[in-house]
Amino acid sequence: MIVKCSAMQTILNGFLRYRANLRGELLEKFQVASVNLNPQAVMVTCVDSRILASRITQANPGEILITRNPGSLVPNYNVLPENTSRPEEATFELACLHDNVDTIVVAGHADCKAMNLVHENRDQLFKSPKSEKESLLKSWLMANSAPTIKKYLEFEKNSFKKSSAFSIVDGRKFEAFIDPENEYAPNDKFSMINTLVQLENLKQYSFLKEPLETNKLRAYALWLDIYNGDILVFSFQEKRFVKLNDNTYERLVSGINAA
């Protein structure tokens, strides 16, 4: 008879495996990071339990700061109520002002439940607000997703065959195609678009504006295909998401360094 572990027992079992297999190795890395803490990037990713950012990137302790929320959002607090808590802004301040991080990565993924919810309710953007109270998750997502919905409808109108313009810095635009070969489902296209819209939102943070304009701070988008494990990197040169593999690595790195 197989007895199912409780959630807390599963967590404790994981800690025991950590003590037996990883503790010694990580302790050395913790000590190095404590003496010379120098994170290289901050990553915005989803709270989805399938997204293990540190494992996917194979990051060591001290290398990457990670902030997570439903949908990998970079909220534009200018359109939200003044009393809205601002954890993502605090994370960027810690990373970019205190730790001198020079890279921000927004990482979306396939079958994102948060983006699926917004995609399913995208028509509500153009309807009168409902009188009944919505869930906190849905209301927060919808309040943050109007630009993504509008971009999606623009792409959809052109059957995803034409590019659309995005802008991380005022006055500097980049073009993007979203899955013109139609390999991905509509909700996954929506998630890809969302990662690029979140890059646009970075300029709403006053302390990031000048570093972004002078290229002291760079911003990138990734997308994880959880169905097959592929990582897609948005290439500003190729104007699209490109699968990262041995054949594409050199040109992706070359494009990143040239950006």
Protein backbone atom coordinates (compact mmCIF):
# COMPACT_ATOMS: atom_id res chain seq x y z
CA MET A 1 0.00 0.00 0.00
CA ILE A 2 1.38 3.39 -1.02
CA VAL A 3 0.81 6.10 1.58
CA LYS A 4 0.73 9.60 0.17
CA CYS A 5 2.95 12.08 1.98
CA SER A 6 1.50 15.28 3.33
CA ALA A 7 2.73 18.49 1.73
CA MET A 8 4.87 19.35 4.77
CA GLN A 9 6.31 15.84 4.87
CA THR A 10 7.30 16.20 1.21
CA ILE A 11 9.09 19.45 2.06
CA LEU A 12 10.88 17.85 5.03
CA ASN A 13 11.90 14.88 2.88
CA GLY A 14 13.43 17.34 0.44
CA PHE A 15 15.39 19.00 3.24
CA LEU A 16 16.77 15.61 4.28
CA ARG A 17 17.91 14.92 0.71
CA TYR A 18 19.50 18.37 0.68
CA ARG A 19 21.39 17.61 3.90
CA ALA A 20 22.60 14.27 2.56
CA ASN A 21 23.49 15.31 -1.00
CA LEU A 22 23.91 19.07 -1.39
CA ARG A 23 24.60 20.67 1.97
CA GLY A 24 28.40 20.34 1.88
CA GLU A 25 28.70 21.65 -1.67
CA LEU A 26 26.31 24.55 -1.11
CA LEU A 27 27.85 25.56 2.22
CA GLU A 28 31.12 26.33 0.43
CA LYS A 29 29.24 28.41 -2.14
CA PHE A 30 27.25 30.19 0.58
CA GLN A 31 30.51 31.17 2.27
CA VAL A 32 32.01 32.49 -0.97
CA ALA A 33 28.85 34.46 -1.71
CA SER A 34 28.77 35.89 1.82
CA VAL A 35 32.28 37.28 1.47
CA ASN A 36 31.86 38.52 -2.10
CA LEU A 37 28.18 38.95 -2.83
CA ASN A 38 27.98 40.07 -6.45
CA PRO A 39 24.70 39.06 -8.13
CA GLN A 40 24.74 39.45 -11.89
CA ALA A 41 21.04 39.62 -12.74
CA VAL A 42 17.54 39.88 -11.37
CA MET A 43 14.94 37.57 -12.86
CA VAL A 44 11.18 38.14 -12.85
CA THR A 45 9.40 34.81 -13.09
CA CYS A 46 6.10 33.18 -12.28
CA VAL A 47 5.03 31.60 -8.99
CA ASP A 48 3.99 28.49 -10.93
CA SER A 49 5.35 25.46 -9.05
CA ARG A 50 6.72 24.01 -12.31
CA ILE A 51 9.13 26.92 -12.78
CA LEU A 52 12.35 26.23 -10.89
CA ALA A 53 14.38 29.25 -11.92
CA SER A 54 17.58 28.41 -10.03
CA ARG A 55 17.59 24.86 -11.34
CA ILE A 56 16.78 25.83 -14.93
CA THR A 57 19.55 28.44 -15.01
CA GLN A 58 21.92 26.27 -12.95
CA ALA A 59 22.67 29.39 -10.89
CA ASN A 60 24.96 29.23 -7.89
CA PRO A 61 24.16 31.00 -4.60
CA GLY A 62 24.72 34.73 -4.96
CA GLU A 63 24.47 34.88 -8.77
CA ILE A 64 20.81 35.72 -9.46
CA LEU A 65 18.11 37.58 -7.55
CA ILE A 66 14.64 36.20 -8.23
CA THR A 67 11.25 37.85 -7.78
CA ARG A 68 8.10 35.87 -8.47
CA ASN A 69 4.45 36.70 -8.96
CA PRO A 70 1.52 35.25 -10.92
CA GLY A 71 2.24 35.87 -14.61
CA SER A 72 5.82 37.20 -14.33
CA LEU A 73 4.49 40.76 -14.18
CA VAL A 74 6.39 44.04 -13.88
CA PRO A 75 3.46 46.12 -12.60
CA ASN A 76 2.98 49.63 -13.88
CA TYR A 77 2.11 51.20 -10.55
CA ASN A 78 1.09 54.43 -12.30
CA VAL A 79 -2.20 52.79 -13.29
CA LEU A 80 -2.80 51.05 -9.95
CA PRO A 81 -4.22 52.49 -6.71
CA GLU A 82 -1.71 54.55 -4.70
CA ASN A 83 -1.87 52.19 -1.72
CA THR A 84 -0.88 49.15 -3.81
CA SER A 85 2.07 47.31 -2.30
CA ARG A 86 5.15 47.45 -4.52
CA PRO A 87 7.31 44.34 -3.93
CA GLU A 88 8.66 44.22 -7.50
CA GLU A 89 9.80 47.83 -7.29
CA ALA A 90 11.52 47.09 -3.99
CA THR A 91 13.26 44.10 -5.58
CA PHE A 92 14.54 46.20 -8.48
CA GLU A 93 15.77 48.86 -6.05
CA LEU A 94 17.65 46.24 -4.04
CA ALA A 95 19.11 44.64 -7.17
CA CYS A 96 19.97 47.68 -9.27
CA LEU A 97 20.73 50.40 -6.72
CA HIS A 98 22.26 48.38 -3.88
CA ASP A 99 23.71 45.31 -5.61
CA ASN A 100 24.60 47.08 -8.89
CA VAL A 101 22.95 44.42 -11.03
CA ASP A 102 23.12 45.34 -14.72
CA THR A 103 20.72 42.77 -16.19
CA ILE A 104 16.98 42.24 -15.81
CA VAL A 105 15.34 39.14 -17.25
CA VAL A 106 11.59 38.62 -17.56
CA ALA A 107 10.82 34.92 -17.89
CA GLY A 108 7.42 33.68 -19.03
CA HIS A 109 6.36 30.12 -19.73
CA ALA A 110 3.93 27.85 -21.55
CA ASP A 111 0.60 27.00 -19.94
CA CYS A 112 0.90 29.90 -17.50
CA LYS A 113 -2.26 29.65 -15.41
CA ALA A 114 -2.22 33.37 -14.65
CA MET A 115 -1.89 34.34 -18.32
CA ASN A 116 -4.45 31.70 -19.29
CA LEU A 117 -6.91 33.40 -16.93
CA VAL A 118 -6.28 36.80 -18.50
CA HIS A 119 -6.47 35.37 -22.03
CA GLU A 120 -9.80 33.72 -21.27
CA ASN A 121 -11.18 37.00 -19.90
CA ARG A 122 -9.57 39.38 -22.41
CA ASP A 123 -12.95 40.61 -23.70
CA GLN A 124 -13.75 42.03 -20.25
CA LEU A 125 -11.27 44.82 -20.94
CA PHE A 126 -13.87 46.46 -23.19
CA LYS A 127 -16.92 45.84 -21.01
CA SER A 128 -18.32 47.70 -18.03
CA PRO A 129 -16.92 46.48 -14.70
CA LYS A 130 -18.99 43.80 -12.99
CA SER A 131 -20.84 44.81 -9.88
CA GLU A 132 -19.93 41.65 -7.97
CA LYS A 133 -16.53 41.41 -6.38
CA GLU A 134 -13.96 39.45 -8.37
CA SER A 135 -11.20 37.35 -6.90
CA LEU A 136 -8.09 39.25 -5.86
CA LEU A 137 -5.99 37.23 -8.31
CA LYS A 138 -8.22 37.98 -11.29
CA SER A 139 -8.68 41.68 -10.48
CA TRP A 140 -4.91 42.16 -9.97
CA LEU A 141 -4.05 40.36 -13.19
CA MET A 142 -6.64 42.22 -15.24
CA ALA A 143 -5.53 45.59 -13.82
CA ASN A 144 -1.99 44.84 -14.97
CA SER A 145 -2.76 43.25 -18.32
CA ALA A 146 -4.51 45.83 -20.50
CA PRO A 147 -1.37 46.51 -22.63
CA THR A 148 -0.82 42.77 -23.14
CA ILE A 149 -4.43 42.27 -24.21
CA LYS A 150 -4.24 45.18 -26.68
CA LYS A 151 -0.99 43.86 -28.16
CA TYR A 152 -2.43 40.36 -28.47
CA LEU A 153 -5.48 41.68 -30.34
CA GLU A 154 -3.17 43.60 -32.66
CA PHE A 155 -1.20 40.46 -33.47
CA GLU A 156 -4.39 38.40 -33.75
CA LYS A 157 -5.92 40.86 -36.23
CA ASN A 158 -2.94 40.22 -38.53
CA SER A 159 -2.99 36.45 -37.93
CA PHE A 160 0.41 36.79 -36.21
CA LYS A 161 2.06 37.33 -39.60
CA LYS A 162 3.12 40.93 -38.97
CA SER A 163 5.44 42.36 -36.35
CA SER A 164 4.54 44.93 -33.74
CA ALA A 165 6.64 47.62 -32.07
CA PHE A 166 7.68 47.57 -28.42
CA SER A 167 9.83 50.01 -26.46
CA ILE A 168 11.98 49.50 -23.39
CA VAL A 169 13.25 53.09 -23.60
CA ASP A 170 11.26 56.08 -24.83
CA GLY A 171 12.21 56.87 -28.41
CA ARG A 172 13.88 53.49 -29.06
CA LYS A 173 11.60 50.84 -30.45
CA PHE A 174 12.15 47.23 -31.37
CA GLU A 175 10.02 45.04 -33.60
CA ALA A 176 8.77 41.61 -32.62
CA PHE A 177 7.11 38.71 -34.39
CA ILE A 178 5.21 36.24 -32.23
CA ASP A 179 5.15 32.67 -33.48
CA PRO A 180 4.45 33.40 -37.16
CA GLU A 181 4.83 29.66 -37.89
CA ASN A 182 1.87 29.00 -35.58
CA GLU A 183 3.63 26.36 -33.49
CA TYR A 184 2.06 27.42 -30.20
CA ALA A 185 -1.46 27.68 -28.82
CA PRO A 186 -3.13 31.12 -28.57
CA ASN A 187 -2.72 31.25 -24.78
CA ASP A 188 1.02 30.58 -25.14
CA LYS A 189 1.33 33.32 -27.77
CA PHE A 190 -0.38 35.58 -25.23
CA SER A 191 2.22 34.62 -22.61
CA MET A 192 5.07 35.41 -25.00
CA ILE A 193 3.62 38.83 -25.73
CA ASN A 194 3.26 39.43 -22.00
CA THR A 195 7.00 39.03 -21.40
CA LEU A 196 7.75 41.79 -23.94
CA VAL A 197 5.11 44.09 -22.47
CA GLN A 198 6.72 43.65 -19.04
CA LEU A 199 10.02 44.86 -20.52
CA GLU A 200 8.18 48.01 -21.58
CA ASN A 201 6.93 48.54 -18.03
CA LEU A 202 10.45 48.81 -16.64
CA LYS A 203 10.74 52.43 -17.79
CA GLN A 204 7.90 53.36 -15.41
CA TYR A 205 10.33 52.90 -12.50
CA SER A 206 12.07 56.26 -12.18
CA PHE A 207 15.37 54.88 -10.85
CA LEU A 208 15.64 52.46 -13.81
CA LYS A 209 14.97 55.04 -16.53
CA GLU A 210 18.47 56.54 -16.78
CA PRO A 211 20.36 53.21 -16.56
CA LEU A 212 18.14 51.78 -19.29
CA GLU A 213 18.60 54.83 -21.51
CA THR A 214 22.40 54.71 -21.17
CA ASN A 215 22.64 50.92 -21.50
CA LYS A 216 24.12 50.59 -18.02
CA LEU A 217 21.15 48.29 -17.46
CA ARG A 218 19.96 45.76 -20.04
CA ALA A 219 16.63 43.96 -20.14
CA TYR A 220 15.83 40.64 -21.83
CA ALA A 221 12.92 38.24 -22.22
CA LEU A 222 12.94 34.45 -21.93
CA TRP A 223 10.16 31.93 -22.36
CA LEU A 224 10.14 28.34 -21.12
CA ASP A 225 8.27 25.68 -23.06
CA ILE A 226 7.40 23.35 -20.21
CA TYR A 227 6.04 20.74 -22.64
CA ASN A 228 9.49 19.88 -24.00
CA GLY A 229 11.90 21.84 -21.81
CA ASP A 230 13.02 24.29 -24.49
CA ILE A 231 14.18 27.76 -23.48
CA LEU A 232 13.31 30.51 -25.95
CA VAL A 233 15.32 33.74 -25.87
CA PHE A 234 13.96 36.90 -27.46
CA SER A 235 16.48 38.09 -30.04
CA PHE A 236 16.32 41.81 -30.77
CA GLN A 237 18.29 41.19 -33.96
CA GLU A 238 16.04 38.41 -35.27
CA LYS A 239 12.92 40.11 -33.89
CA ARG A 240 11.52 36.91 -32.42
CA PHE A 241 11.90 34.25 -29.77
CA VAL A 242 14.64 31.78 -30.70
CA LYS A 243 15.11 28.33 -29.20
CA LEU A 244 18.37 28.11 -27.27
CA ASN A 245 20.49 25.13 -28.29
CA ASP A 246 24.03 24.33 -29.38
CA ASN A 247 23.30 25.64 -32.88
CA THR A 248 21.81 28.98 -31.83
CA TYR A 249 23.92 29.76 -28.74
CA GLU A 250 26.74 31.62 -30.50
CA ARG A 251 24.50 33.94 -32.49
CA LEU A 252 22.26 34.61 -29.50
CA VAL A 253 25.26 35.53 -27.34
CA SER A 254 26.68 37.64 -30.18
CA GLY A 255 23.39 39.51 -30.45
CA ILE A 256 23.19 40.06 -26.71
CA ASN A 257 26.74 41.43 -26.58
CA ALA A 258 26.11 43.68 -29.57
CA ALA A 259 22.84 45.09 -28.23
